[in-house]
C-alpha atoms as a PDB file:
ATOM      1  CA  UNK A   1     -16.699  14.526  -5.916  1.00  0.00           C
ATOM      2  CA  UNK A   2     -18.093  14.500  -2.389  1.00  0.00           C
ATOM      3  CA  UNK A   3     -18.926  10.827  -2.912  1.00  0.00           C
ATOM      4  CA  UNK A   4     -15.416  10.067  -4.199  1.00  0.00           C
ATOM      5  CA  UNK A   5     -13.828  11.839  -1.229  1.00  0.00           C
ATOM      6  CA  UNK A   6     -15.125   9.081   1.038  1.00  0.00           C
ATOM      7  CA  UNK A   7     -12.172   6.998  -0.182  1.00  0.00           C
ATOM      8  CA  UNK A   8      -9.755   9.206   1.758  1.00  0.00           C
ATOM      9  CA  UNK A   9     -12.263   9.938   4.514  1.00  0.00           C
ATOM     10  CA  UNK A  10     -12.637   6.226   5.224  1.00  0.00           C
ATOM     11  CA  UNK A  11      -8.854   5.804   5.410  1.00  0.00           C
ATOM     12  CA  UNK A  12      -8.691   8.528   8.029  1.00  0.00           C
ATOM     13  CA  UNK A  13     -11.619   6.984   9.865  1.00  0.00           C
ATOM     14  CA  UNK A  14      -9.510   3.844  10.148  1.00  0.00           C
ATOM     15  CA  UNK A  15      -6.743   5.986  11.665  1.00  0.00           C
ATOM     16  CA  UNK A  16      -9.280   7.194  14.199  1.00  0.00           C
ATOM     17  CA  UNK A  17     -10.182   3.618  15.120  1.00  0.00           C
ATOM     18  CA  UNK A  18      -6.510   2.679  15.291  1.00  0.00           C
ATOM     19  CA  UNK A  19      -5.808   5.617  17.565  1.00  0.00           C
ATOM     20  CA  UNK A  20      -8.677   4.699  19.858  1.00  0.00           C
ATOM     21  CA  UNK A  21      -7.471   1.097  20.101  1.00  0.00           C
ATOM     22  CA  UNK A  22      -3.924   2.275  20.748  1.00  0.00           C
ATOM     23  CA  UNK A  23      -5.083   4.693  23.434  1.00  0.00           C
ATOM     24  CA  UNK A  24      -7.104   2.000  25.191  1.00  0.00           C
ATOM     25  CA  UNK A  25      -4.141  -0.384  25.101  1.00  0.00           C
ATOM     26  CA  UNK A  26      -1.769   2.299  26.397  1.00  0.00           C
ATOM     27  CA  UNK A  27      -4.112   3.052  29.296  1.00  0.00           C
ATOM     28  CA  UNK A  28      -5.008  -0.563  30.111  1.00  0.00           C
ATOM     29  CA  UNK A  29      -1.651  -2.346  29.784  1.00  0.00           C
ATOM     30  CA  UNK A  30       1.733  -1.895  31.343  1.00  0.00           C
ATOM     31  CA  UNK A  31       4.645  -1.020  29.083  1.00  0.00           C
ATOM     32  CA  UNK A  32       6.039  -4.557  29.333  1.00  0.00           C
ATOM     33  CA  UNK A  33       2.690  -6.155  28.434  1.00  0.00           C
ATOM     34  CA  UNK A  34       2.274  -3.727  25.556  1.00  0.00           C
ATOM     35  CA  UNK A  35       5.714  -4.631  24.213  1.00  0.00           C
ATOM     36  CA  UNK A  36       5.241  -8.389  24.684  1.00  0.00           C
ATOM     37  CA  UNK A  37       1.780  -9.009  23.242  1.00  0.00           C
ATOM     38  CA  UNK A  38      -0.416  -5.895  23.348  1.00  0.00           C
ATOM     39  CA  UNK A  39       0.902  -4.542  20.051  1.00  0.00           C
ATOM     40  CA  UNK A  40      -0.602  -7.584  18.273  1.00  0.00           C
ATOM     41  CA  UNK A  41      -4.186  -6.720  19.239  1.00  0.00           C
ATOM     42  CA  UNK A  42      -4.784  -4.116  16.465  1.00  0.00           C
ATOM     43  CA  UNK A  43      -3.782  -6.671  13.824  1.00  0.00           C
ATOM     44  CA  UNK A  44      -6.689  -8.893  14.875  1.00  0.00           C
ATOM     45  CA  UNK A  45      -9.084  -6.102  13.929  1.00  0.00           C
ATOM     46  CA  UNK A  46      -7.243  -5.632  10.641  1.00  0.00           C
ATOM     47  CA  UNK A  47      -8.245  -9.133   9.521  1.00  0.00           C
ATOM     48  CA  UNK A  48     -11.824  -7.864   9.189  1.00  0.00           C
ATOM     49  CA  UNK A  49     -10.867  -6.162   5.915  1.00  0.00           C
ATOM     50  CA  UNK A  50     -10.858  -9.536   4.112  1.00  0.00           C
ATOM     51  CA  UNK A  51     -14.628 -10.225   4.035  1.00  0.00           C
ATOM     52  CA  UNK A  52     -15.393  -6.555   3.435  1.00  0.00           C
ATOM     53  CA  UNK A  53     -12.963  -6.454   0.521  1.00  0.00           C
ATOM     54  CA  UNK A  54     -14.471  -9.571  -1.044  1.00  0.00           C
ATOM     55  CA  UNK A  55     -17.973  -8.111  -0.738  1.00  0.00           C
ATOM     56  CA  UNK A  56     -16.992  -4.799  -2.336  1.00  0.00           C
ATOM     57  CA  UNK A  57     -15.170  -6.531  -5.186  1.00  0.00           C
ATOM     58  CA  UNK A  58     -18.208  -8.659  -6.008  1.00  0.00           C
ATOM     59  CA  UNK A  59     -20.521  -5.647  -6.045  1.00  0.00           C
ATOM     60  CA  UNK A  60     -18.409  -3.504  -8.382  1.00  0.00           C
ATOM     61  CA  UNK A  61     -19.599  -2.965 -11.947  1.00  0.00           C
ATOM     62  CA  UNK A  62     -17.501  -2.196 -15.006  1.00  0.00           C
ATOM     63  CA  UNK A  63     -17.598   1.533 -15.785  1.00  0.00           C
ATOM     64  CA  UNK A  64     -16.114   1.312 -19.273  1.00  0.00           C
ATOM     65  CA  UNK A  65     -18.870   0.417 -21.704  1.00  0.00           C
ATOM     66  CA  UNK A  66     -18.007  -2.314 -24.207  1.00  0.00           C
ATOM     67  CA  UNK A  67     -19.979  -3.987 -26.942  1.00  0.00           C
ATOM     68  CA  UNK A  68     -20.079  -7.797 -27.050  1.00  0.00           C
ATOM     69  CA  UNK A  69     -17.842  -7.668 -30.120  1.00  0.00           C
ATOM     70  CA  UNK A  70     -15.181  -5.576 -28.388  1.00  0.00           C
ATOM     71  CA  UNK A  71     -11.875  -7.433 -28.252  1.00  0.00           C
ATOM     72  CA  UNK A  72     -10.234  -7.146 -24.865  1.00  0.00           C
ATOM     73  CA  UNK A  73      -6.517  -6.347 -25.165  1.00  0.00           C
ATOM     74  CA  UNK A  74      -3.975  -8.283 -23.149  1.00  0.00           C
ATOM     75  CA  UNK A  75      -2.464  -6.901 -19.965  1.00  0.00           C
ATOM     76  CA  UNK A  76       0.923  -6.657 -21.663  1.00  0.00           C
ATOM     77  CA  UNK A  77      -0.572  -4.619 -24.502  1.00  0.00           C
ATOM     78  CA  UNK A  78      -2.270  -2.225 -22.092  1.00  0.00           C
ATOM     79  CA  UNK A  79       0.919  -1.761 -20.064  1.00  0.00           C
ATOM     80  CA  UNK A  80       2.823  -1.076 -23.259  1.00  0.00           C
ATOM     81  CA  UNK A  81       0.369   1.654 -24.238  1.00  0.00           C
ATOM     82  CA  UNK A  82       0.468   3.190 -20.763  1.00  0.00           C
ATOM     83  CA  UNK A  83       4.259   3.315 -20.583  1.00  0.00           C
ATOM     84  CA  UNK A  84       5.105   4.168 -24.196  1.00  0.00           C
ATOM     85  CA  UNK A  85       2.254   6.463 -25.187  1.00  0.00           C
ATOM     86  CA  UNK A  86       1.243   7.906 -21.823  1.00  0.00           C
ATOM     87  CA  UNK A  87       4.582   8.205 -20.030  1.00  0.00           C
ATOM     88  CA  UNK A  88       3.868  11.849 -19.248  1.00  0.00           C
ATOM     89  CA  UNK A  89       0.710  10.838 -17.411  1.00  0.00           C
ATOM     90  CA  UNK A  90       2.654   8.180 -15.503  1.00  0.00           C
ATOM     91  CA  UNK A  91       5.244  10.741 -14.374  1.00  0.00           C
ATOM     92  CA  UNK A  92       2.584  13.263 -13.374  1.00  0.00           C
ATOM     93  CA  UNK A  93       0.657  10.574 -11.536  1.00  0.00           C
ATOM     94  CA  UNK A  94       3.778   9.431  -9.691  1.00  0.00           C
ATOM     95  CA  UNK A  95       4.518  13.005  -8.643  1.00  0.00           C
ATOM     96  CA  UNK A  96       0.978  13.491  -7.360  1.00  0.00           C
ATOM     97  CA  UNK A  97       0.758  10.159  -5.551  1.00  0.00           C
ATOM     98  CA  UNK A  98       4.253  10.308  -4.066  1.00  0.00           C
ATOM     99  CA  UNK A  99       3.762  13.790  -2.647  1.00  0.00           C
ATOM    100  CA  UNK A 100       0.444  12.896  -1.090  1.00  0.00           C
ATOM    101  CA  UNK A 101       1.737   9.578   0.233  1.00  0.00           C
ATOM    102  CA  UNK A 102       4.881  11.023   1.815  1.00  0.00           C
ATOM    103  CA  UNK A 103       2.803  13.676   3.568  1.00  0.00           C
ATOM    104  CA  UNK A 104       0.309  11.093   4.816  1.00  0.00           C
ATOM    105  CA  UNK A 105       3.037   8.843   6.202  1.00  0.00           C
ATOM    106  CA  UNK A 106       4.702  11.857   7.787  1.00  0.00           C
ATOM    107  CA  UNK A 107       1.470  12.606   9.639  1.00  0.00           C
ATOM    108  CA  UNK A 108       1.042   8.964  10.616  1.00  0.00           C
ATOM    109  CA  UNK A 109       4.575   8.808  12.041  1.00  0.00           C
ATOM    110  CA  UNK A 110       3.817  11.785  14.268  1.00  0.00           C
ATOM    111  CA  UNK A 111       2.839   9.214  16.919  1.00  0.00           C
ATOM    112  CA  UNK A 112       6.289   7.557  17.259  1.00  0.00           C
ATOM    113  CA  UNK A 113       7.881  10.967  16.614  1.00  0.00           C
ATOM    114  CA  UNK A 114       6.030  12.383  19.609  1.00  0.00           C
ATOM    115  CA  UNK A 115       7.171   9.490  21.804  1.00  0.00           C
ATOM    116  CA  UNK A 116      10.812   9.154  20.729  1.00  0.00           C
ATOM    117  CA  UNK A 117      11.780  12.683  19.720  1.00  0.00           C
ATOM    118  CA  UNK A 118       9.441  14.867  21.775  1.00  0.00           C
ATOM    119  CA  UNK A 119       9.407  12.401  24.700  1.00  0.00           C
ATOM    120  CA  UNK A 120       5.650  12.556  25.186  1.00  0.00           C
ATOM    121  CA  UNK A 121       3.829   9.676  26.908  1.00  0.00           C
ATOM    122  CA  UNK A 122       2.215   7.054  24.665  1.00  0.00           C
ATOM    123  CA  UNK A 123      -1.288   8.081  25.717  1.00  0.00           C
ATOM    124  CA  UNK A 124      -0.642  11.675  24.594  1.00  0.00           C
ATOM    125  CA  UNK A 125       0.798  10.483  21.285  1.00  0.00           C
ATOM    126  CA  UNK A 126      -2.288   8.331  20.660  1.00  0.00           C
ATOM    127  CA  UNK A 127      -4.446  11.421  21.114  1.00  0.00           C
ATOM    128  CA  UNK A 128      -2.571  12.828  18.135  1.00  0.00           C
ATOM    129  CA  UNK A 129      -3.517   9.769  16.073  1.00  0.00           C
ATOM    130  CA  UNK A 130      -7.157  10.232  17.047  1.00  0.00           C
ATOM    131  CA  UNK A 131      -6.952  13.894  16.022  1.00  0.00           C
ATOM    132  CA  UNK A 132      -5.419  12.812  12.701  1.00  0.00           C
ATOM    133  CA  UNK A 133      -8.324  10.462  12.041  1.00  0.00           C
ATOM    134  CA  UNK A 134     -11.038  12.987  12.886  1.00  0.00           C
ATOM    135  CA  UNK A 135      -9.555  15.945  11.026  1.00  0.00           C
ATOM    136  CA  UNK A 136      -8.505  13.810   8.064  1.00  0.00           C
ATOM    137  CA  UNK A 137     -12.037  12.521   7.651  1.00  0.00           C
ATOM    138  CA  UNK A 138     -13.582  15.990   7.937  1.00  0.00           C
ATOM    139  CA  UNK A 139     -10.959  17.572   5.686  1.00  0.00           C
ATOM    140  CA  UNK A 140     -11.472  14.976   2.949  1.00  0.00           C
ATOM    141  CA  UNK A 141     -15.237  15.489   2.897  1.00  0.00           C
ATOM    142  CA  UNK A 142     -14.784  19.258   2.901  1.00  0.00           C
ATOM    143  CA  UNK A 143     -12.388  18.987  -0.035  1.00  0.00           C
ATOM    144  CA  UNK A 144     -14.870  16.881  -1.974  1.00  0.00           C
ATOM    145  CA  UNK A 145     -17.669  19.366  -1.355  1.00  0.00           C
ATOM    146  CA  UNK A 146     -15.473  22.301  -2.395  1.00  0.00           C
ATOM    147  CA  UNK A 147     -14.382  20.483  -5.564  1.00  0.00           C
ATOM    148  CA  UNK A 148     -18.025  20.022  -6.536  1.00  0.00           C
ATOM    149  CA  UNK A 149     -18.354  23.791  -6.437  1.00  0.00           C
ATOM    150  CA  UNK A 150     -14.984  25.079  -7.647  1.00  0.00           C
ATOM    151  CA  UNK A 151     -13.489  22.213  -9.673  1.00  0.00           C
ATOM    152  CA  UNK A 152     -10.733  19.694  -9.035  1.00  0.00           C
ATOM    153  CA  UNK A 153      -7.438  21.458  -9.621  1.00  0.00           C
ATOM    154  CA  UNK A 154      -8.113  24.547  -7.468  1.00  0.00           C
ATOM    155  CA  UNK A 155      -8.930  22.346  -4.481  1.00  0.00           C
ATOM    156  CA  UNK A 156      -5.825  20.221  -5.053  1.00  0.00           C
ATOM    157  CA  UNK A 157      -3.575  23.276  -5.323  1.00  0.00           C
ATOM    158  CA  UNK A 158      -4.885  25.849  -2.813  1.00  0.00           C
ATOM    159  CA  UNK A 159      -4.774  23.695   0.364  1.00  0.00           C
ATOM    160  CA  UNK A 160      -1.395  22.320  -0.736  1.00  0.00           C
ATOM    161  CA  UNK A 161       0.078  25.823  -0.950  1.00  0.00           C
ATOM    162  CA  UNK A 162      -1.366  26.639   2.469  1.00  0.00           C
ATOM    163  CA  UNK A 163       0.120  23.417   3.852  1.00  0.00           C
ATOM    164  CA  UNK A 164       3.577  24.303   2.555  1.00  0.00           C
ATOM    165  CA  UNK A 165       3.321  27.758   4.134  1.00  0.00           C
ATOM    166  CA  UNK A 166       2.339  26.567   7.615  1.00  0.00           C
ATOM    167  CA  UNK A 167       4.267  23.265   7.781  1.00  0.00           C
ATOM    168  CA  UNK A 168       7.646  24.524   8.979  1.00  0.00           C
ATOM    169  CA  UNK A 169       6.313  27.134  11.463  1.00  0.00           C
ATOM    170  CA  UNK A 170       3.878  24.585  12.892  1.00  0.00           C
ATOM    171  CA  UNK A 171       6.594  21.966  13.383  1.00  0.00           C
ATOM    172  CA  UNK A 172       8.945  24.526  14.938  1.00  0.00           C
ATOM    173  CA  UNK A 173       6.195  25.485  17.368  1.00  0.00           C
ATOM    174  CA  UNK A 174       5.599  21.829  18.243  1.00  0.00           C
ATOM    175  CA  UNK A 175       9.298  21.097  18.834  1.00  0.00           C
ATOM    176  CA  UNK A 176       9.679  24.205  20.990  1.00  0.00           C
ATOM    177  CA  UNK A 177       6.509  23.469  22.980  1.00  0.00           C
ATOM    178  CA  UNK A 178       6.045  19.681  23.128  1.00  0.00           C
ATOM    179  CA  UNK A 179       2.765  18.718  24.758  1.00  0.00           C
ATOM    180  CA  UNK A 180      -0.395  16.802  23.964  1.00  0.00           C
ATOM    181  CA  UNK A 181      -2.177  20.085  23.221  1.00  0.00           C
ATOM    182  CA  UNK A 182       0.399  21.390  20.750  1.00  0.00           C
ATOM    183  CA  UNK A 183       0.638  17.959  19.109  1.00  0.00           C
ATOM    184  CA  UNK A 184      -3.120  17.869  18.555  1.00  0.00           C
ATOM    185  CA  UNK A 185      -3.156  21.471  17.303  1.00  0.00           C
ATOM    186  CA  UNK A 186      -0.318  20.857  14.846  1.00  0.00           C
ATOM    187  CA  UNK A 187      -1.804  17.640  13.504  1.00  0.00           C
ATOM    188  CA  UNK A 188      -5.240  19.247  13.185  1.00  0.00           C
ATOM    189  CA  UNK A 189      -3.981  22.113  11.021  1.00  0.00           C
ATOM    190  CA  UNK A 190      -1.763  19.976   8.800  1.00  0.00           C
ATOM    191  CA  UNK A 191      -4.245  17.124   8.465  1.00  0.00           C
ATOM    192  CA  UNK A 192      -7.183  19.331   7.469  1.00  0.00           C
ATOM    193  CA  UNK A 193      -5.196  20.964   4.664  1.00  0.00           C
ATOM    194  CA  UNK A 194      -3.613  17.728   3.458  1.00  0.00           C
ATOM    195  CA  UNK A 195      -6.849  15.723   3.491  1.00  0.00           C
ATOM    196  CA  UNK A 196      -8.814  18.389   1.610  1.00  0.00           C
ATOM    197  CA  UNK A 197      -6.214  18.353  -1.151  1.00  0.00           C
ATOM    198  CA  UNK A 198      -5.404  14.646  -1.345  1.00  0.00           C
ATOM    199  CA  UNK A 199      -9.061  13.567  -1.438  1.00  0.00           C
ATOM    200  CA  UNK A 200      -9.508  15.531  -4.669  1.00  0.00           C
ATOM    201  CA  UNK A 201      -6.070  14.525  -5.921  1.00  0.00           C
ATOM    202  CA  UNK A 202      -7.197  10.899  -5.914  1.00  0.00           C
ATOM    203  CA  UNK A 203     -10.027  11.831  -8.283  1.00  0.00           C
ATOM    204  CA  UNK A 204      -7.836  14.004 -10.507  1.00  0.00           C
ATOM    205  CA  UNK A 205      -5.096  11.412 -11.020  1.00  0.00           C
ATOM    206  CA  UNK A 206      -7.109   8.860 -13.053  1.00  0.00           C
ATOM    207  CA  UNK A 207      -8.413  11.621 -15.312  1.00  0.00           C
ATOM    208  CA  UNK A 208      -4.895  12.088 -16.665  1.00  0.00           C
ATOM    209  CA  UNK A 209      -5.341   8.797 -18.536  1.00  0.00           C
ATOM    210  CA  UNK A 210      -7.820   7.982 -21.342  1.00  0.00           C
ATOM    211  CA  UNK A 211     -10.751   5.746 -20.316  1.00  0.00           C
ATOM    212  CA  UNK A 212      -9.332   2.732 -22.176  1.00  0.00           C
ATOM    213  CA  UNK A 213      -6.223   2.570 -19.966  1.00  0.00           C
ATOM    214  CA  UNK A 214      -7.420   4.479 -16.921  1.00  0.00           C
ATOM    215  CA  UNK A 215      -7.555   1.565 -14.503  1.00  0.00           C
ATOM    216  CA  UNK A 216      -4.081   0.365 -15.462  1.00  0.00           C
ATOM    217  CA  UNK A 217      -2.641   3.880 -15.459  1.00  0.00           C
ATOM    218  CA  UNK A 218      -4.009   4.638 -12.013  1.00  0.00           C
ATOM    219  CA  UNK A 219      -3.028   1.219 -10.651  1.00  0.00           C
ATOM    220  CA  UNK A 220       0.523   1.582 -11.947  1.00  0.00           C
ATOM    221  CA  UNK A 221       1.092   5.098 -10.636  1.00  0.00           C
ATOM    222  CA  UNK A 222      -0.626   4.431  -7.314  1.00  0.00           C
ATOM    223  CA  UNK A 223       1.171   1.135  -6.674  1.00  0.00           C
ATOM    224  CA  UNK A 224       4.601   2.480  -7.597  1.00  0.00           C
ATOM    225  CA  UNK A 225       4.081   5.770  -5.783  1.00  0.00           C
ATOM    226  CA  UNK A 226       2.921   4.160  -2.554  1.00  0.00           C
ATOM    227  CA  UNK A 227       5.458   1.312  -2.676  1.00  0.00           C
ATOM    228  CA  UNK A 228       8.509   3.422  -3.504  1.00  0.00           C
ATOM    229  CA  UNK A 229       7.774   6.647  -1.657  1.00  0.00           C
ATOM    230  CA  UNK A 230       5.211   5.593   0.926  1.00  0.00           C
ATOM    231  CA  UNK A 231       7.062   2.402   1.734  1.00  0.00           C
ATOM    232  CA  UNK A 232      10.283   4.291   2.397  1.00  0.00           C
ATOM    233  CA  UNK A 233       8.817   7.439   3.973  1.00  0.00           C
ATOM    234  CA  UNK A 234       8.980   6.145   7.547  1.00  0.00           C
ATOM    235  CA  UNK A 235      12.595   5.052   7.138  1.00  0.00           C
ATOM    236  CA  UNK A 236      13.640   8.271   5.415  1.00  0.00           C
ATOM    237  CA  UNK A 237      11.950  10.436   8.046  1.00  0.00           C
ATOM    238  CA  UNK A 238      13.546   8.459  10.897  1.00  0.00           C
ATOM    239  CA  UNK A 239      16.932   8.362   9.168  1.00  0.00           C
ATOM    240  CA  UNK A 240      16.985  12.109   8.533  1.00  0.00           C
ATOM    241  CA  UNK A 241      16.265  12.921  12.168  1.00  0.00           C
ATOM    242  CA  UNK A 242      18.833  10.380  13.385  1.00  0.00           C
ATOM    243  CA  UNK A 243      21.641  11.412  11.023  1.00  0.00           C
ATOM    244  CA  UNK A 244      21.245  15.172  11.340  1.00  0.00           C
ATOM    245  CA  UNK A 245      20.114  15.311  14.948  1.00  0.00           C
ATOM    246  CA  UNK A 246      17.644  17.958  13.811  1.00  0.00           C
ATOM    247  CA  UNK A 247      14.045  17.168  14.847  1.00  0.00           C
ATOM    248  CA  UNK A 248      12.873  19.275  11.901  1.00  0.00           C
ATOM    249  CA  UNK A 249      14.911  17.411   9.257  1.00  0.00           C
ATOM    250  CA  UNK A 250      11.962  15.323   8.111  1.00  0.00           C
ATOM    251  CA  UNK A 251       9.930  18.492   7.599  1.00  0.00           C
ATOM    252  CA  UNK A 252      12.213  19.592   4.773  1.00  0.00           C
ATOM    253  CA  UNK A 253      11.725  16.234   3.056  1.00  0.00           C
ATOM    254  CA  UNK A 254       7.958  16.668   3.224  1.00  0.00           C
ATOM    255  CA  UNK A 255       8.239  20.221   1.892  1.00  0.00           C
ATOM    256  CA  UNK A 256      10.238  18.968  -1.098  1.00  0.00           C
ATOM    257  CA  UNK A 257       7.670  16.237  -1.795  1.00  0.00           C
ATOM    258  CA  UNK A 258       4.844  18.770  -1.680  1.00  0.00           C
ATOM    259  CA  UNK A 259       6.723  21.093  -4.019  1.00  0.00           C
ATOM    260  CA  UNK A 260       6.956  18.265  -6.571  1.00  0.00           C
ATOM    261  CA  UNK A 261       3.254  17.510  -6.108  1.00  0.00           C
ATOM    262  CA  UNK A 262       2.345  21.159  -6.609  1.00  0.00           C
ATOM    263  CA  UNK A 263       4.425  21.446  -9.781  1.00  0.00           C
ATOM    264  CA  UNK A 264       2.759  18.312 -11.160  1.00  0.00           C
ATOM    265  CA  UNK A 265      -0.722  19.658 -10.422  1.00  0.00           C
ATOM    266  CA  UNK A 266       0.152  22.920 -12.163  1.00  0.00           C
ATOM    267  CA  UNK A 267       1.591  21.011 -15.145  1.00  0.00           C
ATOM    268  CA  UNK A 268      -1.620  19.091 -15.818  1.00  0.00           C
ATOM    269  CA  UNK A 269      -3.266  20.568 -18.892  1.00  0.00           C
ATOM    270  CA  UNK A 270      -7.008  20.702 -19.265  1.00  0.00           C
ATOM    271  CA  UNK A 271      -6.583  18.638 -22.443  1.00  0.00           C
ATOM    272  CA  UNK A 272      -5.265  15.794 -20.292  1.00  0.00           C
ATOM    273  CA  UNK A 273      -8.767  14.959 -19.186  1.00  0.00           C
ATOM    274  CA  UNK A 274     -11.235  16.665 -21.539  1.00  0.00           C
ATOM    275  CA  UNK A 275     -11.836  13.297 -23.212  1.00  0.00           C
ATOM    276  CA  UNK A 276     -12.494  11.587 -19.895  1.00  0.00           C
ATOM    277  CA  UNK A 277     -15.817   9.793 -19.595  1.00  0.00           C
ATOM    278  CA  UNK A 278     -16.279  11.317 -16.158  1.00  0.00           C
ATOM    279  CA  UNK A 279     -17.315  14.989 -16.431  1.00  0.00           C
ATOM    280  CA  UNK A 280     -17.224  17.211 -13.344  1.00  0.00           C
ATOM    281  CA  UNK A 281     -20.547  17.375 -11.476  1.00  0.00           C
ATOM    282  CA  UNK A 282     -21.020  21.054 -12.293  1.00  0.00           C
ATOM    283  CA  UNK A 283     -20.554  22.948 -15.519  1.00  0.00           C
ATOM    284  CA  UNK A 284     -17.081  24.191 -14.679  1.00  0.00           C
ATOM    285  CA  UNK A 285     -13.584  23.575 -15.944  1.00  0.00           C
ATOM    286  CA  UNK A 286     -11.747  21.131 -13.711  1.00  0.00           C
END
């Protein structure tokens, strides 16, 4: 599980790099230059994902063992099985992915939130992004290590409960005391708890589906969850603050998303993944 947690750790490492680039641009360029052309600079670095992605795809091996005589079903047939026979897994997966995605986007939007709502300078807000990258990376690896010892579900659930407990008080403290220090402190606490849980969540979600449809089941739930809930999270968060005038309005949305995630994690039965061809690394119930 520690190995699998690098998936989330690497995402947060990219946030760290993005924050560093943003901080350098904010310090080196004037506001007008940043608005005119400086904001395009990070996208040039983003192009580097193309050759890396091609290399990784070519090195991957098929994990589902098949005999030469095995007939490969069509994509339509697999989708039909996933939706008709495993709809419960799809709903649980959507609940897990959507809750984790909304929380992640909420943390990412702390940078514009700090600038527009808390009226902090851009350089201070970028320090928050750097803190998000560092703590997210460390939290993900810690979650993976803990899951190797205690199992998957406990490490998905326990940090998530802690996150729901501290989220509102932490955001109230930040709004009442806006500064670079309180922004970094708030992001550090929330990011550590979220990353520890979501890193393990990403390993638990595919285990809801049988091996024969696992890739499609995970792809469907992940794509829909990120597109529908992650793709709208920034707009919903901004809209809630704008309509209500309450700087804490988006916090309630995140709390609701985490409540759904928690209920889904509690609803997963051990029988959902006992047939999975991916046993936990220790002799414990996941």
